[in-house]
Each structure stands twice: as structure tokens, then as C-alpha cells.
Amino acid sequence: MRVVFCGTPQFAVPTLKHLLAQRDFEVQAVITQPDRPRGRGQQVSSSPVKETALAAGIPVHQPEKIRSPEAQELLDRLAPDAVVIIAYGQIIPARLLPIPKYGWINLHASLLPKYRGAAPIHWAIAQGETKTGLTTMRIDAGMDTGDVLLQSEMEIGGRETAPEVASRMAEAGAPLMVETLRGLGGGTLTARPQENEQASYAPILKKEDGHIDWNRPAQEIFNRMRGFAPWPGAYTSFRGRTCQIWGEPVSKTQAGTADSRWKEMPPGTLLQEGNNLYAICGDTTVLRLTAVKVEGRKQVSAAEFAHGARLTKTERLGEAELR
């Protein structure tokens, strides 16, 4: 089967490598995003998919826009049996969809129709899901609305972060994609339409998604910390300065504090008990802080933060925002 591979980030690399290792597939070319400034130094660098393709001697194409006439001419000339597309980063125009014989086959990081959109792993964790999965689908003109081909369910660990789940998913997606392509080629796979009424959405993350609402229960805040790692993270304010927070929910018994004390404290209140630092959350739940990074300073443990700040008994996180 002749395949064009279309993708950009590390999440797509395991599938590309797996396809290259199979004798019954010919990866004709790779299409990936143009080189961009990345990291703190904003140095222009190649995408992980491009680096993988070049190392394997596969031709790489980087159109600024996939809808350009040049991109269509490339696909028409190659006439692939299938285009595998994983986290490419651009919307494919409808006129390009009929070019490959078996269509554009996407690996999506959710059990569609749940969590359609750009950030399915992040939002599944943030919403407290304990299960997720992978879907291969034939893309159409909609946003993740195409017919489903194969699905594979996965557990989400209670402490797993988005990068950890994404790493497992990327590895599991590689054989699922190969199984899908072989099923299409052999005529043994039947596509099925999605149940649109069951759809939910996972929009691209925004900076404000990481803002901590201390009125939420501690478990919800913890889920969002895990889901929004590494960006935008979970942040609040302390004495008028933004700070990133890491922590985990604990019971009031674990915290060693009388239940009546928690009920009297408004959400966001900081309470120091020995070497532990707690924040009161909604529904009188408790978050034990593990690390804090105040803007302009290095990350420190919660104990170091509390010692340096010399907390008063009534101090609150996010208090300036609530006035």
C-alpha cells in the first residue's frame, strides 16, 4: 500500500516509524508543518516528524498551507492509496479528500464521538475520566466527524498527567493504524458513522483554562492540574503575583485538622501544619500543595514556599482576584 504520511509532533512519530518497518507499506512522502521557532530560545527547528523522515531518507514536504495548489499537485502526482494524518495542525480542504483511494485516515486520541477537537487527552483528564482510547477514522469535511474504522480503549491512571497518557497513546496508536490500513486494503473493515448526538468537545487549550477556581472541589482542581500539564498548567495569585501550583487532594483526616476548622475557612485559604501546606477548596475539601512557582522565581517545594512567605493565618490564594 502506497502511503503519504501527514503529521507534525512527537505524538505522530511512533506510527510513522511503525509504518516504515512494515514490508507491505511504502511511505512515499511526509508532509509536515514548516520549521518554526520553538522553545525558550525560539530557535527555528524541524518538527519531530520531519526529523524522523529525514533520518529514514523519506522525501519531506512542508507547504505553508495544505490548501495550496502545490500541495494538491503533489498529492495528485503521488496518487497514494491512503494518507495517514496524525496531529498535522491544519484543516484539510474538502477537494483533497477524494485523492487517496482509501481516504485520509486519522488517529484521534479519544473514543469518538467523545472529545472531538484539538485537545482530547487534556480535556478527558481534566474532566476526571478514568477511561479513554484511540480511534482511527476516515476524515470528512467536519471537525472529527468522519466514519469510525477501529477503536481501542485505554485506562487513565488516577495520577497520570496529559504527557504521560499521550506517550502511551502514541505507542498504542501505531499498531492500530497499521491494522486499520490492512483492513481497508483487504476489504475486511467496515466504516461506521458516528453517533453525533453523543458528541462532546475538546477545544484547543487557552491560557485562562489553567486558572484555578478555588470554589471547585480539590479532586476537580487536581484533575485539571494533571490535564493541563505542562501548559497552561494550574495557576493562581499570591500577594498579587501569579504562581503555578502543584498538589494533590487529601482527606481532612490525612491532613490532621479538625473538621470544624475547615468549614470556617473560605476557599483558597492556606493552612500550614508542620511541614505540610494545605489549600481549602470547594465543598470543604483539601488540596495538599507539593510545589509552588511564583512568577519570576524558581520552583520550590510547598514547605520552602511557606517558610519564605511567612504566612499569616488568614492568607488566601487568589484573594486579590476575588475582591
C-alpha atoms as a PDB file:
ATOM      1  CA  MET A   1       0.000   0.000   0.000  1.00  0.00           C
ATOM      2  CA  ARG A   2       1.375   3.402  -1.002  1.00  0.00           C
ATOM      3  CA  VAL A   3       1.031   5.882   1.858  1.00  0.00           C
ATOM      4  CA  VAL A   4       1.657   9.584   2.321  1.00  0.00           C
ATOM      5  CA  PHE A   5       2.204  10.439   5.978  1.00  0.00           C
ATOM      6  CA  CYS A   6       0.918  13.781   7.245  1.00  0.00           C
ATOM      7  CA  GLY A   7       1.823  14.818  10.806  1.00  0.00           C
ATOM      8  CA  THR A   8       3.933  17.090  12.946  1.00  0.00           C
ATOM      9  CA  PRO A   9       4.553  16.453  16.697  1.00  0.00           C
ATOM     10  CA  GLN A  10       6.155  13.625  18.655  1.00  0.00           C
ATOM     11  CA  PHE A  11       2.736  12.003  19.099  1.00  0.00           C
ATOM     12  CA  ALA A  12       2.796  11.052  15.388  1.00  0.00           C
ATOM     13  CA  VAL A  13       6.334   9.636  15.342  1.00  0.00           C
ATOM     14  CA  PRO A  14       5.675   6.085  16.617  1.00  0.00           C
ATOM     15  CA  THR A  15       3.131   5.471  13.856  1.00  0.00           C
ATOM     16  CA  LEU A  16       5.493   6.768  11.173  1.00  0.00           C
ATOM     17  CA  LYS A  17       8.302   4.555  12.461  1.00  0.00           C
ATOM     18  CA  HIS A  18       5.978   1.553  12.608  1.00  0.00           C
ATOM     19  CA  LEU A  19       4.824   2.087   9.016  1.00  0.00           C
ATOM     20  CA  LEU A  20       8.424   2.351   7.839  1.00  0.00           C
ATOM     21  CA  ALA A  21       9.177  -1.006   9.473  1.00  0.00           C
ATOM     22  CA  GLN A  22       6.400  -2.856   7.603  1.00  0.00           C
ATOM     23  CA  ARG A  23       7.197  -4.537   4.288  1.00  0.00           C
ATOM     24  CA  ASP A  24       3.670  -4.174   2.942  1.00  0.00           C
ATOM     25  CA  PHE A  25       3.712  -0.357   3.090  1.00  0.00           C
ATOM     26  CA  GLU A  26       5.614   2.198   1.040  1.00  0.00           C
ATOM     27  CA  VAL A  27       5.797   5.621   2.651  1.00  0.00           C
ATOM     28  CA  GLN A  28       6.087   7.775  -0.450  1.00  0.00           C
ATOM     29  CA  ALA A  29       6.482  11.127   1.278  1.00  0.00           C
ATOM     30  CA  VAL A  30       5.935  13.023   4.518  1.00  0.00           C
ATOM     31  CA  ILE A  31       4.002  16.272   4.770  1.00  0.00           C
ATOM     32  CA  THR A  32       4.647  18.281   7.920  1.00  0.00           C
ATOM     33  CA  GLN A  33       4.410  21.842   9.169  1.00  0.00           C
ATOM     34  CA  PRO A  34       7.103  24.370   8.179  1.00  0.00           C
ATOM     35  CA  ASP A  35      10.048  24.792  10.537  1.00  0.00           C
ATOM     36  CA  ARG A  36       9.044  27.080  13.406  1.00  0.00           C
ATOM     37  CA  PRO A  37      10.704  28.885  16.309  1.00  0.00           C
ATOM     38  CA  ARG A  38      10.470  26.574  19.316  1.00  0.00           C
ATOM     39  CA  GLY A  39      11.422  26.508  22.985  1.00  0.00           C
ATOM     40  CA  ARG A  40      12.706  29.274  25.214  1.00  0.00           C
ATOM     41  CA  GLY A  41      15.353  30.407  22.777  1.00  0.00           C
ATOM     42  CA  GLN A  42      12.815  30.475  19.931  1.00  0.00           C
ATOM     43  CA  GLN A  43      15.332  28.880  17.600  1.00  0.00           C
ATOM     44  CA  VAL A  44      13.906  27.687  14.292  1.00  0.00           C
ATOM     45  CA  SER A  45      13.788  23.910  14.323  1.00  0.00           C
ATOM     46  CA  SER A  46      12.237  20.988  12.488  1.00  0.00           C
ATOM     47  CA  SER A  47       9.221  19.039  13.666  1.00  0.00           C
ATOM     48  CA  PRO A  48       9.804  15.587  15.207  1.00  0.00           C
ATOM     49  CA  VAL A  49       8.069  14.021  12.203  1.00  0.00           C
ATOM     50  CA  LYS A  50      10.403  15.794   9.776  1.00  0.00           C
ATOM     51  CA  GLU A  51      13.479  14.656  11.701  1.00  0.00           C
ATOM     52  CA  THR A  52      12.234  11.068  11.661  1.00  0.00           C
ATOM     53  CA  ALA A  53      11.518  11.177   7.924  1.00  0.00           C
ATOM     54  CA  LEU A  54      14.887  12.665   7.032  1.00  0.00           C
ATOM     55  CA  ALA A  55      16.682  10.044   9.109  1.00  0.00           C
ATOM     56  CA  ALA A  56      14.846   7.362   7.121  1.00  0.00           C
ATOM     57  CA  GLY A  57      15.521   9.010   3.756  1.00  0.00           C
ATOM     58  CA  ILE A  58      11.867   9.836   3.079  1.00  0.00           C
ATOM     59  CA  PRO A  59      11.092  12.963   0.996  1.00  0.00           C
ATOM     60  CA  VAL A  60       9.689  15.758   3.170  1.00  0.00           C
ATOM     61  CA  HIS A  61       7.297  18.477   2.032  1.00  0.00           C
ATOM     62  CA  GLN A  62       6.386  21.484   4.180  1.00  0.00           C
ATOM     63  CA  PRO A  63       3.708  23.589   2.498  1.00  0.00           C
ATOM     64  CA  GLU A  64       2.835  26.753   4.360  1.00  0.00           C
ATOM     65  CA  LYS A  65      -0.796  25.924   3.638  1.00  0.00           C
ATOM     66  CA  ILE A  66      -2.057  22.439   2.790  1.00  0.00           C
ATOM     67  CA  ARG A  67      -4.782  24.053   0.681  1.00  0.00           C
ATOM     68  CA  SER A  68      -2.175  25.485  -1.727  1.00  0.00           C
ATOM     69  CA  PRO A  69      -2.188  24.399  -5.396  1.00  0.00           C
ATOM     70  CA  GLU A  70       1.326  22.997  -4.900  1.00  0.00           C
ATOM     71  CA  ALA A  71       0.102  20.618  -2.180  1.00  0.00           C
ATOM     72  CA  GLN A  72      -2.694  19.360  -4.410  1.00  0.00           C
ATOM     73  CA  GLU A  73      -0.284  18.876  -7.325  1.00  0.00           C
ATOM     74  CA  LEU A  74       1.991  16.822  -5.026  1.00  0.00           C
ATOM     75  CA  LEU A  75      -0.841  14.550  -3.910  1.00  0.00           C
ATOM     76  CA  ASP A  76      -2.190  14.159  -7.447  1.00  0.00           C
ATOM     77  CA  ARG A  77       1.270  13.165  -8.670  1.00  0.00           C
ATOM     78  CA  LEU A  78       1.895  10.660  -5.860  1.00  0.00           C
ATOM     79  CA  ALA A  79      -1.652   9.233  -6.059  1.00  0.00           C
ATOM     80  CA  PRO A  80      -1.348   7.446  -2.702  1.00  0.00           C
ATOM     81  CA  ASP A  81      -3.637   4.612  -1.654  1.00  0.00           C
ATOM     82  CA  ALA A  82      -4.067   6.335   1.708  1.00  0.00           C
ATOM     83  CA  VAL A  83      -2.953   9.451   3.540  1.00  0.00           C
ATOM     84  CA  VAL A  84      -2.270   8.816   7.207  1.00  0.00           C
ATOM     85  CA  ILE A  85      -2.834  12.035   9.140  1.00  0.00           C
ATOM     86  CA  ILE A  86      -1.945  12.449  12.817  1.00  0.00           C
ATOM     87  CA  ALA A  87      -1.870  15.807  14.616  1.00  0.00           C
ATOM     88  CA  TYR A  88      -0.840  17.632  11.460  1.00  0.00           C
ATOM     89  CA  GLY A  89      -2.077  21.035  12.579  1.00  0.00           C
ATOM     90  CA  GLN A  90      -4.067  22.238   9.566  1.00  0.00           C
ATOM     91  CA  ILE A  91      -7.596  21.606   8.306  1.00  0.00           C
ATOM     92  CA  ILE A  92      -7.678  19.557   5.117  1.00  0.00           C
ATOM     93  CA  PRO A  93      -9.828  21.157   2.390  1.00  0.00           C
ATOM     94  CA  ALA A  94     -12.653  19.004   1.026  1.00  0.00           C
ATOM     95  CA  ARG A  95     -11.235  18.985  -2.509  1.00  0.00           C
ATOM     96  CA  LEU A  96      -8.197  16.987  -1.325  1.00  0.00           C
ATOM     97  CA  LEU A  97     -10.180  14.279   0.478  1.00  0.00           C
ATOM     98  CA  PRO A  98     -11.021  12.117  -2.604  1.00  0.00           C
ATOM     99  CA  ILE A  99      -7.423  11.911  -3.865  1.00  0.00           C
ATOM    100  CA  PRO A 100      -6.279   8.795  -1.928  1.00  0.00           C
ATOM    101  CA  LYS A 101      -8.089   5.545  -2.765  1.00  0.00           C
ATOM    102  CA  TYR A 102      -8.909   4.697   0.863  1.00  0.00           C
ATOM    103  CA  GLY A 103      -9.165   8.281   2.084  1.00  0.00           C
ATOM    104  CA  TRP A 104      -7.368  10.312   4.735  1.00  0.00           C
ATOM    105  CA  ILE A 105      -7.054   8.048   7.773  1.00  0.00           C
ATOM    106  CA  ASN A 106      -6.723   9.858  11.092  1.00  0.00           C
ATOM    107  CA  LEU A 107      -5.612   8.618  14.506  1.00  0.00           C
ATOM    108  CA  HIS A 108      -7.607  10.546  17.117  1.00  0.00           C
ATOM    109  CA  ALA A 109      -6.819  10.380  20.828  1.00  0.00           C
ATOM    110  CA  SER A 110     -10.312   9.704  22.159  1.00  0.00           C
ATOM    111  CA  LEU A 111     -13.179   7.274  21.746  1.00  0.00           C
ATOM    112  CA  LEU A 112     -15.125   9.273  19.201  1.00  0.00           C
ATOM    113  CA  PRO A 113     -17.622  10.868  19.220  1.00  0.00           C
ATOM    114  CA  LYS A 114     -16.439  11.879  22.702  1.00  0.00           C
ATOM    115  CA  TYR A 115     -13.865  14.672  22.870  1.00  0.00           C
ATOM    116  CA  ARG A 116     -13.787  15.880  19.310  1.00  0.00           C
ATOM    117  CA  GLY A 117     -11.289  18.674  18.822  1.00  0.00           C
ATOM    118  CA  ALA A 118      -7.686  19.699  19.327  1.00  0.00           C
ATOM    119  CA  ALA A 119      -7.031  18.625  22.940  1.00  0.00           C
ATOM    120  CA  PRO A 120      -8.853  15.343  23.653  1.00  0.00           C
ATOM    121  CA  ILE A 121      -6.285  13.916  26.088  1.00  0.00           C
ATOM    122  CA  HIS A 122      -6.098  17.105  28.149  1.00  0.00           C
ATOM    123  CA  TRP A 123      -9.848  17.533  28.481  1.00  0.00           C
ATOM    124  CA  ALA A 124     -10.543  13.875  29.211  1.00  0.00           C
ATOM    125  CA  ILE A 125      -8.181  14.024  32.197  1.00  0.00           C
ATOM    126  CA  ALA A 126      -9.418  17.459  33.286  1.00  0.00           C
ATOM    127  CA  GLN A 127     -12.977  16.129  33.285  1.00  0.00           C
ATOM    128  CA  GLY A 128     -11.982  13.263  35.564  1.00  0.00           C
ATOM    129  CA  GLU A 129     -12.366  10.445  33.025  1.00  0.00           C
ATOM    130  CA  THR A 130     -10.874   7.110  34.088  1.00  0.00           C
ATOM    131  CA  LYS A 131     -11.055   5.614  30.589  1.00  0.00           C
ATOM    132  CA  THR A 132     -10.233   6.959  27.164  1.00  0.00           C
ATOM    133  CA  GLY A 133      -8.971   5.440  23.949  1.00  0.00           C
ATOM    134  CA  LEU A 134      -7.897   5.756  20.349  1.00  0.00           C
ATOM    135  CA  THR A 135      -9.974   5.953  17.197  1.00  0.00           C
ATOM    136  CA  THR A 136      -8.951   5.538  13.594  1.00  0.00           C
ATOM    137  CA  MET A 137     -11.359   7.330  11.301  1.00  0.00           C
ATOM    138  CA  ARG A 138     -11.733   8.471   7.719  1.00  0.00           C
ATOM    139  CA  ILE A 139     -11.817  12.247   7.880  1.00  0.00           C
ATOM    140  CA  ASP A 140     -14.527  14.272   6.181  1.00  0.00           C
ATOM    141  CA  ALA A 141     -15.237  17.981   5.913  1.00  0.00           C
ATOM    142  CA  GLY A 142     -16.297  18.260   9.587  1.00  0.00           C
ATOM    143  CA  MET A 143     -14.278  18.504  12.811  1.00  0.00           C
ATOM    144  CA  ASP A 144     -13.557  14.866  13.772  1.00  0.00           C
ATOM    145  CA  THR A 145     -16.961  13.813  12.420  1.00  0.00           C
ATOM    146  CA  GLY A 146     -15.841  11.167   9.927  1.00  0.00           C
ATOM    147  CA  ASP A 147     -16.720   7.477   9.937  1.00  0.00           C
ATOM    148  CA  VAL A 148     -15.060   5.351  12.623  1.00  0.00           C
ATOM    149  CA  LEU A 149     -12.839   2.455  11.492  1.00  0.00           C
ATOM    150  CA  LEU A 150     -11.276   0.919  14.635  1.00  0.00           C
ATOM    151  CA  GLN A 151     -11.179   1.834  18.325  1.00  0.00           C
ATOM    152  CA  SER A 152      -9.073   0.754  21.279  1.00  0.00           C
ATOM    153  CA  GLU A 153      -9.913   1.544  24.909  1.00  0.00           C
ATOM    154  CA  MET A 154      -7.303   2.600  27.491  1.00  0.00           C
ATOM    155  CA  GLU A 155      -7.336   3.271  31.223  1.00  0.00           C
ATOM    156  CA  ILE A 156      -6.281   6.624  32.667  1.00  0.00           C
ATOM    157  CA  GLY A 157      -4.304   6.277  35.899  1.00  0.00           C
ATOM    158  CA  GLY A 158      -5.543   8.323  38.830  1.00  0.00           C
ATOM    159  CA  ARG A 159      -2.304  10.323  38.959  1.00  0.00           C
ATOM    160  CA  GLU A 160      -1.352  10.310  35.270  1.00  0.00           C
ATOM    161  CA  THR A 161      -0.713  13.613  33.501  1.00  0.00           C
ATOM    162  CA  ALA A 162      -1.519  14.517  29.907  1.00  0.00           C
ATOM    163  CA  PRO A 163       2.059  13.952  28.651  1.00  0.00           C
ATOM    164  CA  GLU A 164       2.164  10.524  30.298  1.00  0.00           C
ATOM    165  CA  VAL A 165      -1.127   9.421  28.756  1.00  0.00           C
ATOM    166  CA  ALA A 166      -0.133  10.890  25.380  1.00  0.00           C
ATOM    167  CA  SER A 167       3.101   8.886  25.382  1.00  0.00           C
ATOM    168  CA  ARG A 168       1.232   5.622  25.972  1.00  0.00           C
ATOM    169  CA  MET A 169      -1.363   6.513  23.371  1.00  0.00           C
ATOM    170  CA  ALA A 170       1.226   7.328  20.729  1.00  0.00           C
ATOM    171  CA  GLU A 171       2.803   3.887  21.094  1.00  0.00           C
ATOM    172  CA  ALA A 172      -0.558   2.085  21.134  1.00  0.00           C
ATOM    173  CA  GLY A 173      -1.765   4.020  18.091  1.00  0.00           C
ATOM    174  CA  ALA A 174       0.953   2.734  15.789  1.00  0.00           C
ATOM    175  CA  PRO A 175      -0.236  -0.902  15.506  1.00  0.00           C
ATOM    176  CA  LEU A 176      -3.872   0.265  15.495  1.00  0.00           C
ATOM    177  CA  MET A 177      -3.191   2.374  12.406  1.00  0.00           C
ATOM    178  CA  VAL A 178      -1.425  -0.496  10.631  1.00  0.00           C
ATOM    179  CA  GLU A 179      -4.319  -2.833  11.470  1.00  0.00           C
ATOM    180  CA  THR A 180      -6.715  -0.242  10.059  1.00  0.00           C
ATOM    181  CA  LEU A 181      -4.834   0.160   6.791  1.00  0.00           C
ATOM    182  CA  ARG A 182      -4.526  -3.588   6.301  1.00  0.00           C
ATOM    183  CA  GLY A 183      -8.241  -3.973   6.967  1.00  0.00           C
ATOM    184  CA  LEU A 184      -9.052  -1.339   4.359  1.00  0.00           C
ATOM    185  CA  GLY A 185      -6.690  -2.877   1.832  1.00  0.00           C
ATOM    186  CA  GLY A 186      -8.050  -6.360   2.426  1.00  0.00           C
ATOM    187  CA  GLY A 187     -11.674  -5.275   2.348  1.00  0.00           C
ATOM    188  CA  THR A 188     -12.305  -6.684   5.836  1.00  0.00           C
ATOM    189  CA  LEU A 189     -13.022  -3.393   7.589  1.00  0.00           C
ATOM    190  CA  THR A 190     -16.362  -1.628   7.539  1.00  0.00           C
ATOM    191  CA  ALA A 191     -16.600   2.037   8.478  1.00  0.00           C
ATOM    192  CA  ARG A 192     -19.457   3.108  10.714  1.00  0.00           C
ATOM    193  CA  PRO A 193     -20.909   6.589  11.172  1.00  0.00           C
ATOM    194  CA  GLN A 194     -20.547   8.373  14.489  1.00  0.00           C
ATOM    195  CA  GLU A 195     -23.494   8.932  16.791  1.00  0.00           C
ATOM    196  CA  ASN A 196     -23.426  12.712  16.634  1.00  0.00           C
ATOM    197  CA  GLU A 197     -25.890  13.128  19.480  1.00  0.00           C
ATOM    198  CA  GLN A 198     -23.283  11.562  21.812  1.00  0.00           C
ATOM    199  CA  ALA A 199     -20.551  14.030  20.822  1.00  0.00           C
ATOM    200  CA  SER A 200     -18.538  16.116  23.286  1.00  0.00           C
ATOM    201  CA  TYR A 201     -15.779  18.600  22.551  1.00  0.00           C
ATOM    202  CA  ALA A 202     -12.174  19.240  23.500  1.00  0.00           C
ATOM    203  CA  PRO A 203     -11.239  22.711  22.244  1.00  0.00           C
ATOM    204  CA  ILE A 204      -7.695  23.962  21.919  1.00  0.00           C
ATOM    205  CA  LEU A 205      -6.286  24.967  25.297  1.00  0.00           C
ATOM    206  CA  LYS A 206      -6.173  28.632  26.281  1.00  0.00           C
ATOM    207  CA  LYS A 207      -4.102  30.294  28.987  1.00  0.00           C
ATOM    208  CA  GLU A 208      -7.191  31.011  31.084  1.00  0.00           C
ATOM    209  CA  ASP A 209      -8.083  27.303  31.244  1.00  0.00           C
ATOM    210  CA  GLY A 210      -5.285  26.907  33.784  1.00  0.00           C
ATOM    211  CA  HIS A 211      -6.691  29.487  36.192  1.00  0.00           C
ATOM    212  CA  ILE A 212      -7.641  27.765  39.455  1.00  0.00           C
ATOM    213  CA  ASP A 213     -11.138  28.353  40.763  1.00  0.00           C
ATOM    214  CA  TRP A 214     -10.754  27.530  44.446  1.00  0.00           C
ATOM    215  CA  ASN A 215     -14.512  27.037  44.718  1.00  0.00           C
ATOM    216  CA  ARG A 216     -14.090  23.764  42.815  1.00  0.00           C
ATOM    217  CA  PRO A 217     -13.592  20.577  44.874  1.00  0.00           C
ATOM    218  CA  ALA A 218      -9.974  19.523  45.377  1.00  0.00           C
ATOM    219  CA  GLN A 219     -10.319  16.484  43.104  1.00  0.00           C
ATOM    220  CA  GLU A 220     -11.534  18.661  40.224  1.00  0.00           C
ATOM    221  CA  ILE A 221      -8.606  21.053  40.691  1.00  0.00           C
ATOM    222  CA  PHE A 222      -6.212  18.086  40.769  1.00  0.00           C
ATOM    223  CA  ASN A 223      -7.726  16.664  37.573  1.00  0.00           C
ATOM    224  CA  ARG A 224      -7.196  19.983  35.827  1.00  0.00           C
ATOM    225  CA  MET A 225      -3.592  20.128  37.079  1.00  0.00           C
ATOM    226  CA  ARG A 226      -2.978  16.734  35.501  1.00  0.00           C
ATOM    227  CA  GLY A 227      -4.874  17.502  32.325  1.00  0.00           C
ATOM    228  CA  PHE A 228      -3.350  20.899  31.694  1.00  0.00           C
ATOM    229  CA  ALA A 229       0.261  19.819  32.214  1.00  0.00           C
ATOM    230  CA  PRO A 230       2.624  21.106  31.017  1.00  0.00           C
ATOM    231  CA  TRP A 231       0.696  24.089  29.586  1.00  0.00           C
ATOM    232  CA  PRO A 232      -1.157  26.122  30.695  1.00  0.00           C
ATOM    233  CA  GLY A 233      -0.645  24.311  33.989  1.00  0.00           C
ATOM    234  CA  ALA A 234      -2.605  25.360  37.068  1.00  0.00           C
ATOM    235  CA  TYR A 235      -2.073  28.876  38.332  1.00  0.00           C
ATOM    236  CA  THR A 236      -3.465  31.323  40.848  1.00  0.00           C
ATOM    237  CA  SER A 237      -2.298  34.513  42.543  1.00  0.00           C
ATOM    238  CA  PHE A 238      -0.470  35.101  45.808  1.00  0.00           C
ATOM    239  CA  ARG A 239       0.037  38.609  47.180  1.00  0.00           C
ATOM    240  CA  GLY A 240      -0.744  39.995  43.754  1.00  0.00           C
ATOM    241  CA  ARG A 241       1.680  37.790  41.832  1.00  0.00           C
ATOM    242  CA  THR A 242       0.856  34.854  39.578  1.00  0.00           C
ATOM    243  CA  CYS A 243       2.076  31.469  40.738  1.00  0.00           C
ATOM    244  CA  GLN A 244       1.948  27.946  39.383  1.00  0.00           C
ATOM    245  CA  ILE A 245       0.665  25.356  41.848  1.00  0.00           C
ATOM    246  CA  TRP A 246       1.189  21.600  42.134  1.00  0.00           C
ATOM    247  CA  GLY A 247      -0.604  19.449  44.672  1.00  0.00           C
ATOM    248  CA  GLU A 248      -2.961  16.561  45.365  1.00  0.00           C
ATOM    249  CA  PRO A 249      -6.248  16.101  47.207  1.00  0.00           C
ATOM    250  CA  VAL A 250      -6.180  14.626  50.698  1.00  0.00           C
ATOM    251  CA  SER A 251      -8.854  13.802  53.230  1.00  0.00           C
ATOM    252  CA  LYS A 252      -9.276  16.024  56.270  1.00  0.00           C
ATOM    253  CA  THR A 253      -8.205  13.047  58.362  1.00  0.00           C
ATOM    254  CA  GLN A 254      -4.959  12.787  56.403  1.00  0.00           C
ATOM    255  CA  ALA A 255      -4.416  16.489  56.901  1.00  0.00           C
ATOM    256  CA  GLY A 256      -4.831  16.054  60.643  1.00  0.00           C
ATOM    257  CA  THR A 257      -7.130  19.028  61.096  1.00  0.00           C
ATOM    258  CA  ALA A 258     -10.470  19.175  62.898  1.00  0.00           C
ATOM    259  CA  ASP A 259     -13.408  19.201  60.525  1.00  0.00           C
ATOM    260  CA  SER A 260     -14.907  22.322  62.122  1.00  0.00           C
ATOM    261  CA  ARG A 261     -11.843  24.400  61.226  1.00  0.00           C
ATOM    262  CA  TRP A 262     -12.171  23.664  57.505  1.00  0.00           C
ATOM    263  CA  LYS A 263     -15.808  24.669  57.398  1.00  0.00           C
ATOM    264  CA  GLU A 264     -14.991  28.123  58.717  1.00  0.00           C
ATOM    265  CA  MET A 265     -12.325  28.866  56.107  1.00  0.00           C
ATOM    266  CA  PRO A 266     -13.153  30.333  52.662  1.00  0.00           C
ATOM    267  CA  PRO A 267     -11.818  28.578  49.536  1.00  0.00           C
ATOM    268  CA  GLY A 268      -8.208  29.436  48.762  1.00  0.00           C
ATOM    269  CA  THR A 269      -7.197  29.778  52.418  1.00  0.00           C
ATOM    270  CA  LEU A 270      -3.697  28.491  53.126  1.00  0.00           C
ATOM    271  CA  LEU A 271      -3.090  26.444  56.246  1.00  0.00           C
ATOM    272  CA  GLN A 272       0.329  25.290  57.410  1.00  0.00           C
ATOM    273  CA  GLU A 273       0.574  22.187  59.570  1.00  0.00           C
ATOM    274  CA  GLY A 274       4.127  21.117  60.330  1.00  0.00           C
ATOM    275  CA  ASN A 275       5.940  20.654  57.025  1.00  0.00           C
ATOM    276  CA  ASN A 276       2.690  20.411  55.086  1.00  0.00           C
ATOM    277  CA  LEU A 277       0.858  23.243  53.347  1.00  0.00           C
ATOM    278  CA  TYR A 278      -2.830  22.926  52.520  1.00  0.00           C
ATOM    279  CA  ALA A 279      -5.292  24.981  50.493  1.00  0.00           C
ATOM    280  CA  ILE A 280      -9.007  24.921  51.238  1.00  0.00           C
ATOM    281  CA  CYS A 281     -11.119  24.101  48.195  1.00  0.00           C
ATOM    282  CA  GLY A 282     -14.823  23.974  47.442  1.00  0.00           C
ATOM    283  CA  ASP A 283     -17.165  21.664  49.357  1.00  0.00           C
ATOM    284  CA  THR A 284     -14.740  21.879  52.321  1.00  0.00           C
ATOM    285  CA  THR A 285     -12.219  19.668  50.505  1.00  0.00           C
ATOM    286  CA  VAL A 286      -8.474  19.985  50.871  1.00  0.00           C
ATOM    287  CA  LEU A 287      -5.510  20.171  48.479  1.00  0.00           C
ATOM    288  CA  ARG A 288      -2.061  19.437  49.869  1.00  0.00           C
ATOM    289  CA  LEU A 289       0.394  21.609  47.964  1.00  0.00           C
ATOM    290  CA  THR A 290       3.607  19.951  46.821  1.00  0.00           C
ATOM    291  CA  ALA A 291       5.342  22.718  44.849  1.00  0.00           C
ATOM    292  CA  VAL A 292       4.909  26.394  44.052  1.00  0.00           C
ATOM    293  CA  LYS A 293       6.482  28.642  41.434  1.00  0.00           C
ATOM    294  CA  VAL A 294       5.907  32.350  41.922  1.00  0.00           C
ATOM    295  CA  GLU A 295       6.387  34.386  38.734  1.00  0.00           C
ATOM    296  CA  GLY A 296       9.992  35.476  38.314  1.00  0.00           C
ATOM    297  CA  ARG A 297      11.272  32.891  40.784  1.00  0.00           C
ATOM    298  CA  LYS A 298      12.325  29.264  40.637  1.00  0.00           C
ATOM    299  CA  GLN A 299      10.046  26.411  41.593  1.00  0.00           C
ATOM    300  CA  VAL A 300      10.311  25.369  45.241  1.00  0.00           C
ATOM    301  CA  SER A 301       8.640  22.838  47.473  1.00  0.00           C
ATOM    302  CA  ALA A 302       5.491  23.908  49.272  1.00  0.00           C
ATOM    303  CA  ALA A 303       7.377  23.778  52.593  1.00  0.00           C
ATOM    304  CA  GLU A 304      10.083  26.109  51.236  1.00  0.00           C
ATOM    305  CA  PHE A 305       7.424  28.440  49.857  1.00  0.00           C
ATOM    306  CA  ALA A 306       5.583  28.590  53.198  1.00  0.00           C
ATOM    307  CA  HIS A 307       8.804  29.202  55.131  1.00  0.00           C
ATOM    308  CA  GLY A 308       9.907  32.021  52.842  1.00  0.00           C
ATOM    309  CA  ALA A 309       6.489  33.667  52.699  1.00  0.00           C
ATOM    310  CA  ARG A 310       5.928  33.661  56.473  1.00  0.00           C
ATOM    311  CA  LEU A 311       2.239  33.059  56.041  1.00  0.00           C
ATOM    312  CA  THR A 312      -0.380  34.681  58.202  1.00  0.00           C
ATOM    313  CA  LYS A 313      -3.362  32.678  59.479  1.00  0.00           C
ATOM    314  CA  THR A 314      -5.849  34.275  57.088  1.00  0.00           C
ATOM    315  CA  GLU A 315      -3.836  34.324  53.870  1.00  0.00           C
ATOM    316  CA  ARG A 316      -5.522  33.067  50.720  1.00  0.00           C
ATOM    317  CA  LEU A 317      -4.517  32.081  47.237  1.00  0.00           C
ATOM    318  CA  GLY A 318      -6.372  34.027  44.589  1.00  0.00           C
ATOM    319  CA  GLU A 319      -7.683  36.528  47.147  1.00  0.00           C
ATOM    320  CA  ALA A 320      -6.852  39.569  45.012  1.00  0.00           C
ATOM    321  CA  GLU A 321      -8.968  38.113  42.186  1.00  0.00           C
ATOM    322  CA  LEU A 322     -11.982  37.700  44.461  1.00  0.00           C
ATOM    323  CA  ARG A 323     -12.192  41.262  45.739  1.00  0.00           C
END
